[in-house]
Amino acid sequence: MTGPMNWDAHCTLHRADDGGGLLDGLKGIRRGSLAQLVRQIMMMPRERRREFEIEKSGDHRLNYWEIAAISRRGDFPFP
């Protein structure tokens, strides 16, 4: 992901294996900003990080590899 990042975008944390679908909105574990949820996942033990994805409002789900990449961006608000 390149270009400006909206770190305050409303997002939802999901289990990666929850299947998505019609009732996807009800399967969220936690809601917060993109920056907060990226930080939460990256603070988890390394072996658990792939169990979760972040759904950006009206966009798509970020998998672990995308989350790890954006956590290394120079403009990430949590060093």
PDB file of N, CA and C in Angstrom:
ATOM      1  N   MET A   1       0.845  -1.166   0.000  1.00  0.00           N
ATOM      2  CA  MET A   1       0.000   0.000   0.000  1.00  0.00           C
ATOM      3  C   MET A   1       0.895   1.236   0.000  1.00  0.00           C
ATOM      4  N   THR A   2       0.733   2.027  -1.013  1.00  0.00           N
ATOM      5  CA  THR A   2       1.534   3.240  -1.130  1.00  0.00           C
ATOM      6  C   THR A   2       0.628   4.453  -1.105  1.00  0.00           C
ATOM      7  N   GLY A   3       1.227   5.617  -1.028  1.00  0.00           N
ATOM      8  CA  GLY A   3       0.454   6.845  -0.992  1.00  0.00           C
ATOM      9  C   GLY A   3       0.000   7.159   0.411  1.00  0.00           C
ATOM     10  N   PRO A   4      -0.756   8.258   0.550  1.00  0.00           N
ATOM     11  CA  PRO A   4      -1.220   8.667   1.880  1.00  0.00           C
ATOM     12  C   PRO A   4      -2.106   7.593   2.518  1.00  0.00           C
ATOM     13  N   MET A   5      -1.948   7.424   3.808  1.00  0.00           N
ATOM     14  CA  MET A   5      -2.717   6.418   4.548  1.00  0.00           C
ATOM     15  C   MET A   5      -3.626   7.141   5.530  1.00  0.00           C
ATOM     16  N   ASN A   6      -4.890   6.771   5.565  1.00  0.00           N
ATOM     17  CA  ASN A   6      -5.825   7.344   6.535  1.00  0.00           C
ATOM     18  C   ASN A   6      -5.763   6.484   7.797  1.00  0.00           C
ATOM     19  N   TRP A   7      -4.875   6.832   8.709  1.00  0.00           N
ATOM     20  CA  TRP A   7      -4.674   6.048   9.922  1.00  0.00           C
ATOM     21  C   TRP A   7      -5.889   6.093  10.845  1.00  0.00           C
ATOM     22  N   ASP A   8      -6.758   7.086  10.665  1.00  0.00           N
ATOM     23  CA  ASP A   8      -7.954   7.210  11.502  1.00  0.00           C
ATOM     24  C   ASP A   8      -9.170   6.505  10.914  1.00  0.00           C
ATOM     25  N   ALA A   9      -9.004   5.848   9.776  1.00  0.00           N
ATOM     26  CA  ALA A   9     -10.129   5.168   9.125  1.00  0.00           C
ATOM     27  C   ALA A   9     -10.745   4.138  10.069  1.00  0.00           C
ATOM     28  N   HIS A  10     -12.069   4.088  10.081  1.00  0.00           N
ATOM     29  CA  HIS A  10     -12.793   3.144  10.920  1.00  0.00           C
ATOM     30  C   HIS A  10     -12.610   1.733  10.357  1.00  0.00           C
ATOM     31  N   CYS A  11     -12.161   0.817  11.204  1.00  0.00           N
ATOM     32  CA  CYS A  11     -11.891  -0.553  10.772  1.00  0.00           C
ATOM     33  C   CYS A  11     -12.410  -1.542  11.808  1.00  0.00           C
ATOM     34  N   THR A  12     -12.452  -2.811  11.399  1.00  0.00           N
ATOM     35  CA  THR A  12     -12.904  -3.881  12.278  1.00  0.00           C
ATOM     36  C   THR A  12     -11.908  -5.024  12.249  1.00  0.00           C
ATOM     37  N   LEU A  13     -11.592  -5.550  13.422  1.00  0.00           N
ATOM     38  CA  LEU A  13     -10.705  -6.701  13.548  1.00  0.00           C
ATOM     39  C   LEU A  13     -11.538  -7.973  13.421  1.00  0.00           C
ATOM     40  N   HIS A  14     -11.070  -8.902  12.598  1.00  0.00           N
ATOM     41  CA  HIS A  14     -11.759 -10.179  12.370  1.00  0.00           C
ATOM     42  C   HIS A  14     -10.786 -11.329  12.504  1.00  0.00           C
ATOM     43  N   ARG A  15     -11.318 -12.498  12.807  1.00  0.00           N
ATOM     44  CA  ARG A  15     -10.525 -13.717  12.676  1.00  0.00           C
ATOM     45  C   ARG A  15     -10.389 -13.984  11.185  1.00  0.00           C
ATOM     46  N   ALA A  16      -9.231 -14.388  10.756  1.00  0.00           N
ATOM     47  CA  ALA A  16      -8.987 -14.624   9.335  1.00  0.00           C
ATOM     48  C   ALA A  16      -9.849 -15.755   8.792  1.00  0.00           C
ATOM     49  N   ASP A  17     -10.277 -16.664   9.641  1.00  0.00           N
ATOM     50  CA  ASP A  17     -11.042 -17.826   9.188  1.00  0.00           C
ATOM     51  C   ASP A  17     -12.548 -17.701   9.438  1.00  0.00           C
ATOM     52  N   ASP A  18     -13.056 -16.472   9.619  1.00  0.00           N
ATOM     53  CA  ASP A  18     -14.484 -16.337   9.933  1.00  0.00           C
ATOM     54  C   ASP A  18     -15.399 -16.426   8.723  1.00  0.00           C
ATOM     55  N   GLY A  19     -14.851 -16.546   7.545  1.00  0.00           N
ATOM     56  CA  GLY A  19     -15.654 -16.803   6.347  1.00  0.00           C
ATOM     57  C   GLY A  19     -16.244 -15.590   5.670  1.00  0.00           C
ATOM     58  N   GLY A  20     -16.224 -14.425   6.277  1.00  0.00           N
ATOM     59  CA  GLY A  20     -16.791 -13.237   5.635  1.00  0.00           C
ATOM     60  C   GLY A  20     -18.264 -13.440   5.329  1.00  0.00           C
ATOM     61  N   GLY A  21     -18.704 -12.943   4.200  1.00  0.00           N
ATOM     62  CA  GLY A  21     -20.063 -13.175   3.750  1.00  0.00           C
ATOM     63  C   GLY A  21     -21.070 -12.153   4.223  1.00  0.00           C
ATOM     64  N   LEU A  22     -22.341 -12.524   4.083  1.00  0.00           N
ATOM     65  CA  LEU A  22     -23.461 -11.632   4.342  1.00  0.00           C
ATOM     66  C   LEU A  22     -23.467 -11.064   5.758  1.00  0.00           C
ATOM     67  N   LEU A  23     -23.158 -11.869   6.752  1.00  0.00           N
ATOM     68  CA  LEU A  23     -23.198 -11.414   8.145  1.00  0.00           C
ATOM     69  C   LEU A  23     -21.818 -10.999   8.655  1.00  0.00           C
ATOM     70  N   ASP A  24     -20.956 -10.628   7.738  1.00  0.00           N
ATOM     71  CA  ASP A  24     -19.580 -10.282   8.065  1.00  0.00           C
ATOM     72  C   ASP A  24     -19.488  -9.215   9.145  1.00  0.00           C
ATOM     73  N   GLY A  25     -20.341  -8.218   9.106  1.00  0.00           N
ATOM     74  CA  GLY A  25     -20.306  -7.140  10.080  1.00  0.00           C
ATOM     75  C   GLY A  25     -20.547  -7.592  11.506  1.00  0.00           C
ATOM     76  N   LEU A  26     -21.240  -8.707  11.674  1.00  0.00           N
ATOM     77  CA  LEU A  26     -21.535  -9.213  13.016  1.00  0.00           C
ATOM     78  C   LEU A  26     -20.408 -10.066  13.577  1.00  0.00           C
ATOM     79  N   LYS A  27     -19.421 -10.389  12.760  1.00  0.00           N
ATOM     80  CA  LYS A  27     -18.344 -11.279  13.178  1.00  0.00           C
ATOM     81  C   LYS A  27     -17.113 -10.527  13.681  1.00  0.00           C
ATOM     82  N   GLY A  28     -17.203  -9.224  13.727  1.00  0.00           N
ATOM     83  CA  GLY A  28     -16.062  -8.421  14.165  1.00  0.00           C
ATOM     84  C   GLY A  28     -15.735  -8.658  15.627  1.00  0.00           C
ATOM     85  N   ILE A  29     -14.455  -8.648  15.940  1.00  0.00           N
ATOM     86  CA  ILE A  29     -13.974  -8.849  17.306  1.00  0.00           C
ATOM     87  C   ILE A  29     -13.826  -7.518  18.024  1.00  0.00           C
ATOM     88  N   ARG A  30     -13.342  -6.536  17.293  1.00  0.00           N
ATOM     89  CA  ARG A  30     -13.090  -5.218  17.872  1.00  0.00           C
ATOM     90  C   ARG A  30     -13.149  -4.183  16.773  1.00  0.00           C
ATOM     91  N   ARG A  31     -13.526  -2.976  17.123  1.00  0.00           N
ATOM     92  CA  ARG A  31     -13.539  -1.866  16.178  1.00  0.00           C
ATOM     93  C   ARG A  31     -12.546  -0.813  16.663  1.00  0.00           C
ATOM     94  N   GLY A  32     -11.984  -0.084  15.709  1.00  0.00           N
ATOM     95  CA  GLY A  32     -11.044   0.972  16.058  1.00  0.00           C
ATOM     96  C   GLY A  32     -10.472   1.587  14.805  1.00  0.00           C
ATOM     97  N   SER A  33      -9.517   2.453  14.975  1.00  0.00           N
ATOM     98  CA  SER A  33      -8.879   3.068  13.815  1.00  0.00           C
ATOM     99  C   SER A  33      -7.916   2.067  13.186  1.00  0.00           C
ATOM    100  N   LEU A  34      -7.552   2.323  11.947  1.00  0.00           N
ATOM    101  CA  LEU A  34      -6.591   1.465  11.263  1.00  0.00           C
ATOM    102  C   LEU A  34      -5.298   1.384  12.073  1.00  0.00           C
ATOM    103  N   ALA A  35      -4.799   2.509  12.539  1.00  0.00           N
ATOM    104  CA  ALA A  35      -3.546   2.526  13.305  1.00  0.00           C
ATOM    105  C   ALA A  35      -3.658   1.698  14.584  1.00  0.00           C
ATOM    106  N   GLN A  36      -4.768   1.821  15.305  1.00  0.00           N
ATOM    107  CA  GLN A  36      -4.946   1.074  16.548  1.00  0.00           C
ATOM    108  C   GLN A  36      -4.945  -0.435  16.304  1.00  0.00           C
ATOM    109  N   LEU A  37      -5.665  -0.868  15.267  1.00  0.00           N
ATOM    110  CA  LEU A  37      -5.780  -2.301  15.018  1.00  0.00           C
ATOM    111  C   LEU A  37      -4.491  -2.885  14.457  1.00  0.00           C
ATOM    112  N   VAL A  38      -3.782  -2.120  13.633  1.00  0.00           N
ATOM    113  CA  VAL A  38      -2.479  -2.589  13.144  1.00  0.00           C
ATOM    114  C   VAL A  38      -1.550  -2.766  14.345  1.00  0.00           C
ATOM    115  N   ARG A  39      -1.539  -1.800  15.219  1.00  0.00           N
ATOM    116  CA  ARG A  39      -0.681  -1.878  16.406  1.00  0.00           C
ATOM    117  C   ARG A  39      -1.055  -3.082  17.261  1.00  0.00           C
ATOM    118  N   GLN A  40      -2.355  -3.311  17.454  1.00  0.00           N
ATOM    119  CA  GLN A  40      -2.801  -4.435  18.277  1.00  0.00           C
ATOM    120  C   GLN A  40      -2.299  -5.757  17.702  1.00  0.00           C
ATOM    121  N   ILE A  41      -2.431  -5.939  16.400  1.00  0.00           N
ATOM    122  CA  ILE A  41      -1.982  -7.186  15.787  1.00  0.00           C
ATOM    123  C   ILE A  41      -0.467  -7.327  15.891  1.00  0.00           C
ATOM    124  N   MET A  42       0.259  -6.259  15.634  1.00  0.00           N
ATOM    125  CA  MET A  42       1.718  -6.355  15.648  1.00  0.00           C
ATOM    126  C   MET A  42       2.279  -6.533  17.060  1.00  0.00           C
ATOM    127  N   MET A  43       1.477  -6.270  18.082  1.00  0.00           N
ATOM    128  CA  MET A  43       1.918  -6.497  19.458  1.00  0.00           C
ATOM    129  C   MET A  43       1.612  -7.914  19.933  1.00  0.00           C
ATOM    130  N   MET A  44       0.862  -8.664  19.145  1.00  0.00           N
ATOM    131  CA  MET A  44       0.550 -10.049  19.496  1.00  0.00           C
ATOM    132  C   MET A  44       1.799 -10.916  19.317  1.00  0.00           C
ATOM    133  N   PRO A  45       1.822 -12.067  19.969  1.00  0.00           N
ATOM    134  CA  PRO A  45       2.919 -13.000  19.706  1.00  0.00           C
ATOM    135  C   PRO A  45       2.961 -13.328  18.203  1.00  0.00           C
ATOM    136  N   ARG A  46       4.148 -13.425  17.672  1.00  0.00           N
ATOM    137  CA  ARG A  46       4.340 -13.635  16.234  1.00  0.00           C
ATOM    138  C   ARG A  46       3.503 -14.797  15.685  1.00  0.00           C
ATOM    139  N   GLU A  47       3.396 -15.877  16.433  1.00  0.00           N
ATOM    140  CA  GLU A  47       2.681 -17.055  15.946  1.00  0.00           C
ATOM    141  C   GLU A  47       1.161 -16.858  15.872  1.00  0.00           C
ATOM    142  N   ARG A  48       0.628 -15.816  16.477  1.00  0.00           N
ATOM    143  CA  ARG A  48      -0.827 -15.581  16.463  1.00  0.00           C
ATOM    144  C   ARG A  48      -1.245 -14.529  15.440  1.00  0.00           C
ATOM    145  N   ARG A  49      -0.322 -13.742  14.938  1.00  0.00           N
ATOM    146  CA  ARG A  49      -0.663 -12.605  14.082  1.00  0.00           C
ATOM    147  C   ARG A  49      -1.430 -13.003  12.824  1.00  0.00           C
ATOM    148  N   ARG A  50      -1.136 -14.143  12.256  1.00  0.00           N
ATOM    149  CA  ARG A  50      -1.805 -14.564  11.014  1.00  0.00           C
ATOM    150  C   ARG A  50      -3.241 -15.010  11.231  1.00  0.00           C
ATOM    151  N   GLU A  51      -3.676 -15.093  12.477  1.00  0.00           N
ATOM    152  CA  GLU A  51      -5.043 -15.509  12.790  1.00  0.00           C
ATOM    153  C   GLU A  51      -6.056 -14.387  12.581  1.00  0.00           C
ATOM    154  N   PHE A  52      -5.564 -13.163  12.325  1.00  0.00           N
ATOM    155  CA  PHE A  52      -6.451 -12.010  12.270  1.00  0.00           C
ATOM    156  C   PHE A  52      -6.286 -11.209  10.992  1.00  0.00           C
ATOM    157  N   GLU A  53      -7.339 -10.496  10.631  1.00  0.00           N
ATOM    158  CA  GLU A  53      -7.340  -9.585   9.493  1.00  0.00           C
ATOM    159  C   GLU A  53      -8.046  -8.312   9.917  1.00  0.00           C
ATOM    160  N   ILE A  54      -7.764  -7.238   9.188  1.00  0.00           N
ATOM    161  CA  ILE A  54      -8.429  -5.962   9.457  1.00  0.00           C
ATOM    162  C   ILE A  54      -9.287  -5.623   8.250  1.00  0.00           C
ATOM    163  N   GLU A  55     -10.569  -5.388   8.504  1.00  0.00           N
ATOM    164  CA  GLU A  55     -11.471  -4.977   7.434  1.00  0.00           C
ATOM    165  C   GLU A  55     -11.597  -3.461   7.464  1.00  0.00           C
ATOM    166  N   LYS A  56     -11.205  -2.844   6.357  1.00  0.00           N
ATOM    167  CA  LYS A  56     -11.353  -1.396   6.232  1.00  0.00           C
ATOM    168  C   LYS A  56     -12.776  -1.122   5.747  1.00  0.00           C
ATOM    169  N   SER A  57     -13.414  -0.118   6.321  1.00  0.00           N
ATOM    170  CA  SER A  57     -14.798   0.212   5.973  1.00  0.00           C
ATOM    171  C   SER A  57     -14.963   0.392   4.472  1.00  0.00           C
ATOM    172  N   GLY A  58     -15.869  -0.395   3.892  1.00  0.00           N
ATOM    173  CA  GLY A  58     -16.188  -0.274   2.483  1.00  0.00           C
ATOM    174  C   GLY A  58     -15.054  -0.623   1.552  1.00  0.00           C
ATOM    175  N   ASP A  59     -14.029  -1.274   2.049  1.00  0.00           N
ATOM    176  CA  ASP A  59     -12.855  -1.553   1.241  1.00  0.00           C
ATOM    177  C   ASP A  59     -12.631  -3.048   1.182  1.00  0.00           C
ATOM    178  N   HIS A  60     -11.554  -3.510   1.717  1.00  0.00           N
ATOM    179  CA  HIS A  60     -11.247  -4.937   1.712  1.00  0.00           C
ATOM    180  C   HIS A  60     -10.571  -5.319   3.019  1.00  0.00           C
ATOM    181  N   ARG A  61     -10.316  -6.598   3.176  1.00  0.00           N
ATOM    182  CA  ARG A  61      -9.618  -7.078   4.363  1.00  0.00           C
ATOM    183  C   ARG A  61      -8.123  -7.080   4.126  1.00  0.00           C
ATOM    184  N   LEU A  62      -7.414  -6.588   5.112  1.00  0.00           N
ATOM    185  CA  LEU A  62      -5.963  -6.608   5.087  1.00  0.00           C
ATOM    186  C   LEU A  62      -5.489  -7.892   5.754  1.00  0.00           C
ATOM    187  N   ASN A  63      -4.709  -8.689   5.046  1.00  0.00           N
ATOM    188  CA  ASN A  63      -4.177  -9.907   5.638  1.00  0.00           C
ATOM    189  C   ASN A  63      -2.900  -9.584   6.413  1.00  0.00           C
ATOM    190  N   TYR A  64      -2.330 -10.598   7.035  1.00  0.00           N
ATOM    191  CA  TYR A  64      -1.150 -10.368   7.868  1.00  0.00           C
ATOM    192  C   TYR A  64      -0.022  -9.701   7.100  1.00  0.00           C
ATOM    193  N   TRP A  65       0.231 -10.126   5.885  1.00  0.00           N
ATOM    194  CA  TRP A  65       1.364  -9.585   5.128  1.00  0.00           C
ATOM    195  C   TRP A  65       1.166  -8.093   4.827  1.00  0.00           C
ATOM    196  N   GLU A  66      -0.066  -7.698   4.528  1.00  0.00           N
ATOM    197  CA  GLU A  66      -0.359  -6.277   4.297  1.00  0.00           C
ATOM    198  C   GLU A  66      -0.230  -5.483   5.597  1.00  0.00           C
ATOM    199  N   ILE A  67      -0.720  -6.055   6.684  1.00  0.00           N
ATOM    200  CA  ILE A  67      -0.653  -5.390   7.982  1.00  0.00           C
ATOM    201  C   ILE A  67       0.804  -5.184   8.395  1.00  0.00           C
ATOM    202  N   ALA A  68       1.623  -6.214   8.239  1.00  0.00           N
ATOM    203  CA  ALA A  68       3.046  -6.114   8.591  1.00  0.00           C
ATOM    204  C   ALA A  68       3.728  -5.042   7.746  1.00  0.00           C
ATOM    205  N   ALA A  69       3.393  -4.984   6.470  1.00  0.00           N
ATOM    206  CA  ALA A  69       4.018  -3.996   5.582  1.00  0.00           C
ATOM    207  C   ALA A  69       3.642  -2.577   5.978  1.00  0.00           C
ATOM    208  N   ILE A  70       2.371  -2.326   6.277  1.00  0.00           N
ATOM    209  CA  ILE A  70       2.000  -0.951   6.618  1.00  0.00           C
ATOM    210  C   ILE A  70       2.484  -0.558   8.013  1.00  0.00           C
ATOM    211  N   SER A  71       2.729  -1.548   8.883  1.00  0.00           N
ATOM    212  CA  SER A  71       3.262  -1.223  10.213  1.00  0.00           C
ATOM    213  C   SER A  71       4.703  -0.723  10.116  1.00  0.00           C
ATOM    214  N   ARG A  72       5.382  -1.012   9.008  1.00  0.00           N
ATOM    215  CA  ARG A  72       6.769  -0.577   8.818  1.00  0.00           C
ATOM    216  C   ARG A  72       6.875   0.756   8.077  1.00  0.00           C
ATOM    217  N   ARG A  73       5.741   1.323   7.690  1.00  0.00           N
ATOM    218  CA  ARG A  73       5.775   2.610   6.985  1.00  0.00           C
ATOM    219  C   ARG A  73       6.347   3.702   7.886  1.00  0.00           C
ATOM    220  N   GLY A  74       7.043   4.620   7.298  1.00  0.00           N
ATOM    221  CA  GLY A  74       7.634   5.713   8.048  1.00  0.00           C
ATOM    222  C   GLY A  74       6.612   6.627   8.710  1.00  0.00           C
ATOM    223  N   ASP A  75       5.378   6.656   8.164  1.00  0.00           N
ATOM    224  CA  ASP A  75       4.354   7.534   8.747  1.00  0.00           C
ATOM    225  C   ASP A  75       3.424   6.800   9.713  1.00  0.00           C
ATOM    226  N   PHE A  76       3.754   5.545  10.060  1.00  0.00           N
ATOM    227  CA  PHE A  76       2.939   4.805  11.033  1.00  0.00           C
ATOM    228  C   PHE A  76       3.008   5.540  12.364  1.00  0.00           C
ATOM    229  N   PRO A  77       1.843   5.875  12.964  1.00  0.00           N
ATOM    230  CA  PRO A  77       1.833   6.733  14.152  1.00  0.00           C
ATOM    231  C   PRO A  77       2.326   6.082  15.445  1.00  0.00           C
ATOM    232  N   PHE A  78       2.569   4.785  15.454  1.00  0.00           N
ATOM    233  CA  PHE A  78       3.055   4.108  16.653  1.00  0.00           C
ATOM    234  C   PHE A  78       4.427   3.527  16.346  1.00  0.00           C
ATOM    235  N   PRO A  79       5.497   4.246  16.683  1.00  0.00           N
ATOM    236  CA  PRO A  79       6.857   3.746  16.373  1.00  0.00           C
ATOM    237  C   PRO A  79       7.200   2.477  17.122  1.00  0.00           C
TER     238      PRO A  79
END
